[in-house]
Amino acid sequence: MDASGFVDDARKMAAALEDKEVDATGSRRLARDRVARFTGIRISFLHTLRYRPPKTIAADVFDRLCVATERKAAEQIRAAEHEIATARARRMGVDDRALCEAAAALAKARDALWGNE
């Protein structure tokens, strides 16, 4: 992939992260600030990526965006798993407290297995 391909991928990842935060916060400025803190990338560079993409991008910035995208996807997967478990438990008549304890135990086991402790 040439430099412009990396820049385009970085632009798309940054925009997706920011758009998800806008959905959560309702504010583009606040969303960009949260993404900057989450990724460790300057707010001004995130703005530049969105509106005036550079010709090249530093490898560490690209890597930070990749890691942040992976983390955000993992968070969404965990949230979906919790929603599914809650719906199943309700259908089966399981108490919410017991469900939360089981979900926490499963999350801890998964993190230990994947080395996310």
C-alpha atoms as a PDB file:
ATOM      1  CA  MET A   1       0.000   0.000   0.000  1.00  0.00           C
ATOM      2  CA  ASP A   2       1.330   3.451  -0.826  1.00  0.00           C
ATOM      3  CA  ALA A   3       1.361   6.448   1.545  1.00  0.00           C
ATOM      4  CA  SER A   4      -1.962   7.796   0.315  1.00  0.00           C
ATOM      5  CA  GLY A   5      -3.596   4.441   1.115  1.00  0.00           C
ATOM      6  CA  PHE A   6      -2.380   4.617   4.712  1.00  0.00           C
ATOM      7  CA  VAL A   7      -3.583   8.213   5.012  1.00  0.00           C
ATOM      8  CA  ASP A   8      -6.992   7.271   3.627  1.00  0.00           C
ATOM      9  CA  ASP A   9      -7.301   4.322   6.036  1.00  0.00           C
ATOM     10  CA  ALA A  10      -6.260   6.547   8.950  1.00  0.00           C
ATOM     11  CA  ARG A  11      -8.784   9.184   7.892  1.00  0.00           C
ATOM     12  CA  LYS A  12     -11.565   6.587   7.791  1.00  0.00           C
ATOM     13  CA  MET A  13     -10.620   5.119  11.191  1.00  0.00           C
ATOM     14  CA  ALA A  14     -10.427   8.551  12.836  1.00  0.00           C
ATOM     15  CA  ALA A  15     -13.758   9.591  11.309  1.00  0.00           C
ATOM     16  CA  ALA A  16     -15.453   6.370  12.436  1.00  0.00           C
ATOM     17  CA  LEU A  17     -14.135   6.737  15.997  1.00  0.00           C
ATOM     18  CA  GLU A  18     -15.214  10.365  16.107  1.00  0.00           C
ATOM     19  CA  ASP A  19     -18.662   9.644  14.627  1.00  0.00           C
ATOM     20  CA  LYS A  20     -19.306   6.959  17.251  1.00  0.00           C
ATOM     21  CA  GLU A  21     -18.393   9.437  19.980  1.00  0.00           C
ATOM     22  CA  VAL A  22     -20.667  12.081  18.424  1.00  0.00           C
ATOM     23  CA  ASP A  23     -23.509   9.568  18.698  1.00  0.00           C
ATOM     24  CA  ALA A  24     -22.697   9.157  22.393  1.00  0.00           C
ATOM     25  CA  THR A  25     -22.049  12.812  23.265  1.00  0.00           C
ATOM     26  CA  GLY A  26     -23.988  14.814  20.687  1.00  0.00           C
ATOM     27  CA  SER A  27     -21.047  17.170  20.197  1.00  0.00           C
ATOM     28  CA  ARG A  28     -18.398  16.978  17.469  1.00  0.00           C
ATOM     29  CA  ARG A  29     -15.941  19.044  19.546  1.00  0.00           C
ATOM     30  CA  LEU A  30     -16.373  16.879  22.644  1.00  0.00           C
ATOM     31  CA  ALA A  31     -16.190  13.744  20.500  1.00  0.00           C
ATOM     32  CA  ARG A  32     -12.889  14.813  18.932  1.00  0.00           C
ATOM     33  CA  ASP A  33     -11.505  15.597  22.389  1.00  0.00           C
ATOM     34  CA  ARG A  34     -12.483  12.138  23.652  1.00  0.00           C
ATOM     35  CA  VAL A  35     -10.932  10.442  20.611  1.00  0.00           C
ATOM     36  CA  ALA A  36      -7.749  12.471  21.116  1.00  0.00           C
ATOM     37  CA  ARG A  37      -7.499  11.319  24.738  1.00  0.00           C
ATOM     38  CA  PHE A  38      -8.364   7.735  23.814  1.00  0.00           C
ATOM     39  CA  THR A  39      -5.772   7.535  21.015  1.00  0.00           C
ATOM     40  CA  GLY A  40      -3.094   9.917  22.276  1.00  0.00           C
ATOM     41  CA  ILE A  41      -3.274  11.867  19.005  1.00  0.00           C
ATOM     42  CA  ARG A  42      -3.489  15.670  19.021  1.00  0.00           C
ATOM     43  CA  ILE A  43      -6.952  17.171  18.412  1.00  0.00           C
ATOM     44  CA  SER A  44      -5.529  19.384  15.685  1.00  0.00           C
ATOM     45  CA  PHE A  45      -4.192  16.359  13.801  1.00  0.00           C
ATOM     46  CA  LEU A  46      -7.572  14.607  14.023  1.00  0.00           C
ATOM     47  CA  HIS A  47      -9.151  17.763  12.570  1.00  0.00           C
ATOM     48  CA  THR A  48      -6.525  17.815   9.803  1.00  0.00           C
ATOM     49  CA  LEU A  49      -7.172  14.152   8.979  1.00  0.00           C
ATOM     50  CA  ARG A  50     -10.874  14.849   8.583  1.00  0.00           C
ATOM     51  CA  TYR A  51     -10.770  18.088   6.599  1.00  0.00           C
ATOM     52  CA  ARG A  52      -7.280  18.450   5.042  1.00  0.00           C
ATOM     53  CA  PRO A  53      -5.652  15.008   4.892  1.00  0.00           C
ATOM     54  CA  PRO A  54      -1.834  15.131   4.735  1.00  0.00           C
ATOM     55  CA  LYS A  55       0.141  13.336   2.032  1.00  0.00           C
ATOM     56  CA  THR A  56       1.775  10.972   4.553  1.00  0.00           C
ATOM     57  CA  ILE A  57       1.137   9.774   8.084  1.00  0.00           C
ATOM     58  CA  ALA A  58       3.529   8.678  10.815  1.00  0.00           C
ATOM     59  CA  ALA A  59       3.527   4.954  11.519  1.00  0.00           C
ATOM     60  CA  ASP A  60       2.874   5.455  15.248  1.00  0.00           C
ATOM     61  CA  VAL A  61      -0.223   7.584  14.541  1.00  0.00           C
ATOM     62  CA  PHE A  62      -1.545   4.946  12.144  1.00  0.00           C
ATOM     63  CA  ASP A  63      -0.865   2.239  14.735  1.00  0.00           C
ATOM     64  CA  ARG A  64      -2.649   4.200  17.480  1.00  0.00           C
ATOM     65  CA  LEU A  65      -5.718   4.546  15.268  1.00  0.00           C
ATOM     66  CA  CYS A  66      -5.658   0.804  14.527  1.00  0.00           C
ATOM     67  CA  VAL A  67      -5.431  -0.054  18.228  1.00  0.00           C
ATOM     68  CA  ALA A  68      -8.207   2.398  19.142  1.00  0.00           C
ATOM     69  CA  THR A  69     -10.450   0.962  16.419  1.00  0.00           C
ATOM     70  CA  GLU A  70      -9.829  -2.569  17.694  1.00  0.00           C
ATOM     71  CA  ARG A  71     -10.588  -1.526  21.278  1.00  0.00           C
ATOM     72  CA  LYS A  72     -13.795   0.250  20.278  1.00  0.00           C
ATOM     73  CA  ALA A  73     -14.922  -2.821  18.312  1.00  0.00           C
ATOM     74  CA  ALA A  74     -14.166  -5.056  21.311  1.00  0.00           C
ATOM     75  CA  GLU A  75     -16.229  -2.742  23.546  1.00  0.00           C
ATOM     76  CA  GLN A  76     -19.139  -2.976  21.128  1.00  0.00           C
ATOM     77  CA  ILE A  77     -18.859  -6.767  21.034  1.00  0.00           C
ATOM     78  CA  ARG A  78     -18.896  -6.931  24.848  1.00  0.00           C
ATOM     79  CA  ALA A  79     -21.946  -4.653  24.969  1.00  0.00           C
ATOM     80  CA  ALA A  80     -23.752  -6.815  22.403  1.00  0.00           C
ATOM     81  CA  GLU A  81     -22.860  -9.997  24.296  1.00  0.00           C
ATOM     82  CA  HIS A  82     -24.271  -8.456  27.473  1.00  0.00           C
ATOM     83  CA  GLU A  83     -27.484  -7.457  25.684  1.00  0.00           C
ATOM     84  CA  ILE A  84     -27.900 -10.960  24.297  1.00  0.00           C
ATOM     85  CA  ALA A  85     -27.286 -12.551  27.701  1.00  0.00           C
ATOM     86  CA  THR A  86     -29.750 -10.169  29.350  1.00  0.00           C
ATOM     87  CA  ALA A  87     -32.442 -10.926  26.778  1.00  0.00           C
ATOM     88  CA  ARG A  88     -31.931 -14.682  27.152  1.00  0.00           C
ATOM     89  CA  ALA A  89     -32.010 -14.433  30.927  1.00  0.00           C
ATOM     90  CA  ARG A  90     -35.236 -12.442  30.876  1.00  0.00           C
ATOM     91  CA  ARG A  91     -36.797 -15.010  28.580  1.00  0.00           C
ATOM     92  CA  MET A  92     -35.759 -17.771  30.982  1.00  0.00           C
ATOM     93  CA  GLY A  93     -36.797 -15.806  34.086  1.00  0.00           C
ATOM     94  CA  VAL A  94     -33.297 -15.447  35.570  1.00  0.00           C
ATOM     95  CA  ASP A  95     -32.802 -12.731  38.192  1.00  0.00           C
ATOM     96  CA  ASP A  96     -30.795  -9.676  37.011  1.00  0.00           C
ATOM     97  CA  ARG A  97     -28.297  -9.847  39.890  1.00  0.00           C
ATOM     98  CA  ALA A  98     -27.443 -13.470  39.147  1.00  0.00           C
ATOM     99  CA  LEU A  99     -27.073 -12.575  35.488  1.00  0.00           C
ATOM    100  CA  CYS A 100     -24.661  -9.734  36.275  1.00  0.00           C
ATOM    101  CA  GLU A 101     -22.545 -12.013  38.461  1.00  0.00           C
ATOM    102  CA  ALA A 102     -22.409 -14.666  35.730  1.00  0.00           C
ATOM    103  CA  ALA A 103     -21.553 -12.074  33.073  1.00  0.00           C
ATOM    104  CA  ALA A 104     -18.753 -10.647  35.239  1.00  0.00           C
ATOM    105  CA  ALA A 105     -17.319 -14.123  35.807  1.00  0.00           C
ATOM    106  CA  LEU A 106     -17.417 -14.858  32.078  1.00  0.00           C
ATOM    107  CA  ALA A 107     -15.772 -11.532  31.233  1.00  0.00           C
ATOM    108  CA  LYS A 108     -13.010 -12.188  33.760  1.00  0.00           C
ATOM    109  CA  ALA A 109     -12.422 -15.666  32.353  1.00  0.00           C
ATOM    110  CA  ARG A 110     -12.363 -14.347  28.781  1.00  0.00           C
ATOM    111  CA  ASP A 111      -9.887 -11.580  29.688  1.00  0.00           C
ATOM    112  CA  ALA A 112      -7.642 -14.067  31.504  1.00  0.00           C
ATOM    113  CA  LEU A 113      -7.751 -16.388  28.500  1.00  0.00           C
ATOM    114  CA  TRP A 114      -6.965 -13.606  26.000  1.00  0.00           C
ATOM    115  CA  GLY A 115      -4.338 -11.988  28.235  1.00  0.00           C
ATOM    116  CA  ASN A 116      -6.245  -8.719  28.783  1.00  0.00           C
ATOM    117  CA  GLU A 117      -5.765  -8.621  32.545  1.00  0.00           C
END
